[in-house]
Amino acid sequence: MYRFRRDLPESIRNCVAGDTEWSIIGTGMGSYEFRQVAPAHISPTSHHHKIQISDATPEIITTYSPGSDE
């Protein structure tokens, strides 16, 4: 539940050493473990320009749909 949806409890976050953070790693089918890893925060930089990516979903569906039979 904590893996992607919410922060770990503060009592666990405070147990991390140095400049690392906790990560929950999948180790098999239904098996996980806590590991301390270097932070991997990705943030945009101010010197890059934003680009618009159009949503071509309707055109793609129209192009590749087999017809109105389905």
N, C-alpha and C. Protein backbone atom coordinates (compact mmCIF):
# COMPACT_ATOMS: atom_id res chain seq x y z
N MET A 1 0.82 -1.19 0.00
CA MET A 1 0.00 0.00 0.00
C MET A 1 0.87 1.26 0.00
N TYR A 2 1.96 1.24 0.75
CA TYR A 2 2.79 2.44 0.84
C TYR A 2 3.66 2.65 -0.39
N ARG A 3 3.86 1.60 -1.15
CA ARG A 3 4.85 1.66 -2.21
C ARG A 3 4.64 2.84 -3.16
N PHE A 4 3.41 3.08 -3.59
CA PHE A 4 3.16 4.16 -4.54
C PHE A 4 2.12 5.15 -4.09
N ARG A 5 1.35 4.83 -3.07
CA ARG A 5 0.18 5.64 -2.77
C ARG A 5 0.35 6.66 -1.66
N ARG A 6 1.27 6.44 -0.74
CA ARG A 6 1.44 7.40 0.35
C ARG A 6 2.83 7.29 0.94
N ASP A 7 3.20 8.30 1.73
CA ASP A 7 4.51 8.30 2.39
C ASP A 7 4.54 7.27 3.51
N LEU A 8 5.73 6.79 3.79
CA LEU A 8 5.90 5.90 4.93
C LEU A 8 5.66 6.68 6.22
N PRO A 9 5.30 6.00 7.29
CA PRO A 9 5.14 6.71 8.57
C PRO A 9 6.44 7.41 8.98
N GLU A 10 6.29 8.50 9.68
CA GLU A 10 7.45 9.30 10.10
C GLU A 10 8.42 8.48 10.93
N SER A 11 7.92 7.59 11.77
CA SER A 11 8.81 6.77 12.61
C SER A 11 9.74 5.91 11.76
N ILE A 12 9.31 5.48 10.58
CA ILE A 12 10.17 4.69 9.69
C ILE A 12 11.08 5.62 8.90
N ARG A 13 10.55 6.74 8.41
CA ARG A 13 11.36 7.68 7.63
C ARG A 13 12.51 8.24 8.45
N ASN A 14 12.34 8.38 9.76
CA ASN A 14 13.39 8.93 10.61
C ASN A 14 14.51 7.95 10.89
N CYS A 15 14.35 6.68 10.53
CA CYS A 15 15.38 5.67 10.79
C CYS A 15 16.38 5.53 9.65
N VAL A 16 16.29 6.37 8.65
CA VAL A 16 17.17 6.26 7.50
C VAL A 16 18.51 6.92 7.81
N ALA A 17 19.60 6.38 7.27
CA ALA A 17 20.95 6.88 7.54
C ALA A 17 21.40 7.87 6.46
N GLY A 18 22.01 8.96 6.88
CA GLY A 18 22.63 9.92 5.97
C GLY A 18 21.71 10.49 4.93
N ASP A 19 22.21 10.59 3.70
CA ASP A 19 21.46 11.17 2.58
C ASP A 19 20.74 10.11 1.76
N THR A 20 20.21 9.10 2.42
CA THR A 20 19.49 8.05 1.71
C THR A 20 18.02 8.12 2.07
N GLU A 21 17.23 7.32 1.39
CA GLU A 21 15.81 7.24 1.70
C GLU A 21 15.38 5.79 1.58
N TRP A 22 14.24 5.47 2.16
CA TRP A 22 13.73 4.11 2.09
C TRP A 22 13.07 3.87 0.74
N SER A 23 13.27 2.67 0.23
CA SER A 23 12.59 2.24 -0.97
C SER A 23 12.07 0.83 -0.71
N ILE A 24 10.88 0.54 -1.19
CA ILE A 24 10.31 -0.80 -1.05
C ILE A 24 10.54 -1.49 -2.39
N ILE A 25 11.33 -2.55 -2.36
CA ILE A 25 11.74 -3.25 -3.57
C ILE A 25 11.04 -4.61 -3.63
N GLY A 26 10.48 -4.93 -4.78
CA GLY A 26 9.89 -6.25 -4.98
C GLY A 26 10.99 -7.29 -5.10
N THR A 27 10.89 -8.37 -4.33
CA THR A 27 11.91 -9.42 -4.36
C THR A 27 11.35 -10.76 -4.81
N GLY A 28 10.17 -10.76 -5.34
CA GLY A 28 9.55 -12.00 -5.81
C GLY A 28 8.04 -11.87 -5.79
N MET A 29 7.38 -12.93 -6.02
CA MET A 29 5.92 -12.94 -6.06
C MET A 29 5.36 -12.65 -4.66
N GLY A 30 4.81 -11.44 -4.46
CA GLY A 30 4.23 -11.07 -3.17
C GLY A 30 5.26 -10.87 -2.08
N SER A 31 6.52 -10.65 -2.45
CA SER A 31 7.60 -10.49 -1.47
C SER A 31 8.30 -9.14 -1.70
N TYR A 32 8.49 -8.39 -0.62
CA TYR A 32 9.09 -7.07 -0.70
C TYR A 32 10.09 -6.90 0.43
N GLU A 33 11.02 -5.96 0.25
CA GLU A 33 11.94 -5.62 1.34
C GLU A 33 12.26 -4.13 1.30
N PHE A 34 12.59 -3.58 2.46
CA PHE A 34 13.01 -2.20 2.57
C PHE A 34 14.49 -2.12 2.25
N ARG A 35 14.88 -1.13 1.47
CA ARG A 35 16.30 -0.87 1.20
C ARG A 35 16.54 0.63 1.30
N GLN A 36 17.73 0.99 1.78
CA GLN A 36 18.11 2.40 1.80
C GLN A 36 18.83 2.69 0.49
N VAL A 37 18.34 3.69 -0.23
CA VAL A 37 18.89 4.03 -1.54
C VAL A 37 19.14 5.53 -1.62
N ALA A 38 19.97 5.92 -2.58
CA ALA A 38 20.19 7.35 -2.83
C ALA A 38 18.90 7.95 -3.37
N PRO A 39 18.57 9.17 -2.99
CA PRO A 39 17.33 9.80 -3.48
C PRO A 39 17.31 9.88 -5.01
N ALA A 40 16.17 9.62 -5.59
CA ALA A 40 16.02 9.65 -7.05
C ALA A 40 14.91 10.61 -7.43
N HIS A 41 15.00 11.81 -6.94
CA HIS A 41 13.98 12.80 -7.26
C HIS A 41 14.26 13.43 -8.62
N ILE A 42 13.27 13.44 -9.46
CA ILE A 42 13.40 14.03 -10.79
C ILE A 42 12.56 15.29 -10.82
N SER A 43 13.19 16.38 -11.17
CA SER A 43 12.45 17.64 -11.25
C SER A 43 12.86 18.37 -12.52
N PRO A 44 11.95 19.10 -13.12
CA PRO A 44 12.27 19.81 -14.35
C PRO A 44 13.24 20.95 -14.08
N THR A 45 14.05 21.24 -15.08
CA THR A 45 14.97 22.36 -14.96
C THR A 45 14.38 23.57 -15.68
N SER A 46 14.77 24.73 -15.25
CA SER A 46 14.18 25.95 -15.79
C SER A 46 14.70 26.31 -17.17
N HIS A 47 15.84 25.76 -17.61
CA HIS A 47 16.39 26.15 -18.90
C HIS A 47 15.86 25.31 -20.07
N HIS A 48 15.01 24.36 -19.81
CA HIS A 48 14.38 23.60 -20.89
C HIS A 48 13.01 24.18 -21.20
N HIS A 49 12.64 24.14 -22.45
CA HIS A 49 11.35 24.66 -22.88
C HIS A 49 10.30 23.55 -22.81
N LYS A 50 9.10 23.92 -22.43
CA LYS A 50 8.00 22.97 -22.45
C LYS A 50 7.54 22.79 -23.88
N ILE A 51 7.21 21.55 -24.22
CA ILE A 51 6.66 21.29 -25.55
C ILE A 51 5.26 20.70 -25.39
N GLN A 52 4.42 20.97 -26.34
CA GLN A 52 3.07 20.44 -26.33
C GLN A 52 3.05 19.11 -27.08
N ILE A 53 2.45 18.13 -26.49
CA ILE A 53 2.27 16.84 -27.15
C ILE A 53 0.77 16.67 -27.35
N SER A 54 0.37 16.64 -28.60
CA SER A 54 -1.06 16.57 -28.88
C SER A 54 -1.59 15.18 -28.56
N ASP A 55 -2.83 15.12 -28.20
CA ASP A 55 -3.49 13.86 -27.93
C ASP A 55 -4.09 13.37 -29.24
N ALA A 56 -3.41 12.44 -29.88
CA ALA A 56 -3.85 11.93 -31.18
C ALA A 56 -4.67 10.66 -31.06
N THR A 57 -5.14 10.35 -29.86
CA THR A 57 -5.89 9.11 -29.66
C THR A 57 -7.07 8.97 -30.61
N PRO A 58 -7.95 9.96 -30.77
CA PRO A 58 -9.08 9.78 -31.70
C PRO A 58 -8.63 9.47 -33.13
N GLU A 59 -7.60 10.14 -33.61
CA GLU A 59 -7.12 9.91 -34.96
C GLU A 59 -6.50 8.52 -35.09
N ILE A 60 -5.80 8.07 -34.08
CA ILE A 60 -5.20 6.74 -34.11
C ILE A 60 -6.30 5.67 -34.14
N ILE A 61 -7.33 5.85 -33.33
CA ILE A 61 -8.43 4.88 -33.31
C ILE A 61 -9.13 4.86 -34.65
N THR A 62 -9.38 6.01 -35.22
CA THR A 62 -10.04 6.07 -36.52
C THR A 62 -9.19 5.40 -37.59
N THR A 63 -7.90 5.64 -37.57
CA THR A 63 -7.00 5.09 -38.58
C THR A 63 -6.93 3.57 -38.50
N TYR A 64 -6.82 3.02 -37.30
CA TYR A 64 -6.57 1.60 -37.16
C TYR A 64 -7.80 0.76 -36.78
N SER A 65 -8.95 1.36 -36.65
CA SER A 65 -10.13 0.57 -36.31
C SER A 65 -10.61 -0.18 -37.55
N PRO A 66 -11.09 -1.41 -37.36
CA PRO A 66 -11.49 -2.21 -38.50
C PRO A 66 -12.82 -1.76 -39.12
N GLY A 67 -13.58 -0.98 -38.43
CA GLY A 67 -14.84 -0.51 -38.98
C GLY A 67 -15.89 -0.45 -37.89
N SER A 68 -17.13 -0.24 -38.29
CA SER A 68 -18.20 -0.09 -37.30
C SER A 68 -18.84 -1.41 -36.93
N ASP A 69 -18.28 -2.53 -37.39
CA ASP A 69 -18.85 -3.84 -37.10
C ASP A 69 -18.66 -4.25 -35.65
N GLU A 70 -17.71 -3.68 -34.97
CA GLU A 70 -17.41 -4.13 -33.60
C GLU A 70 -18.05 -3.25 -32.57
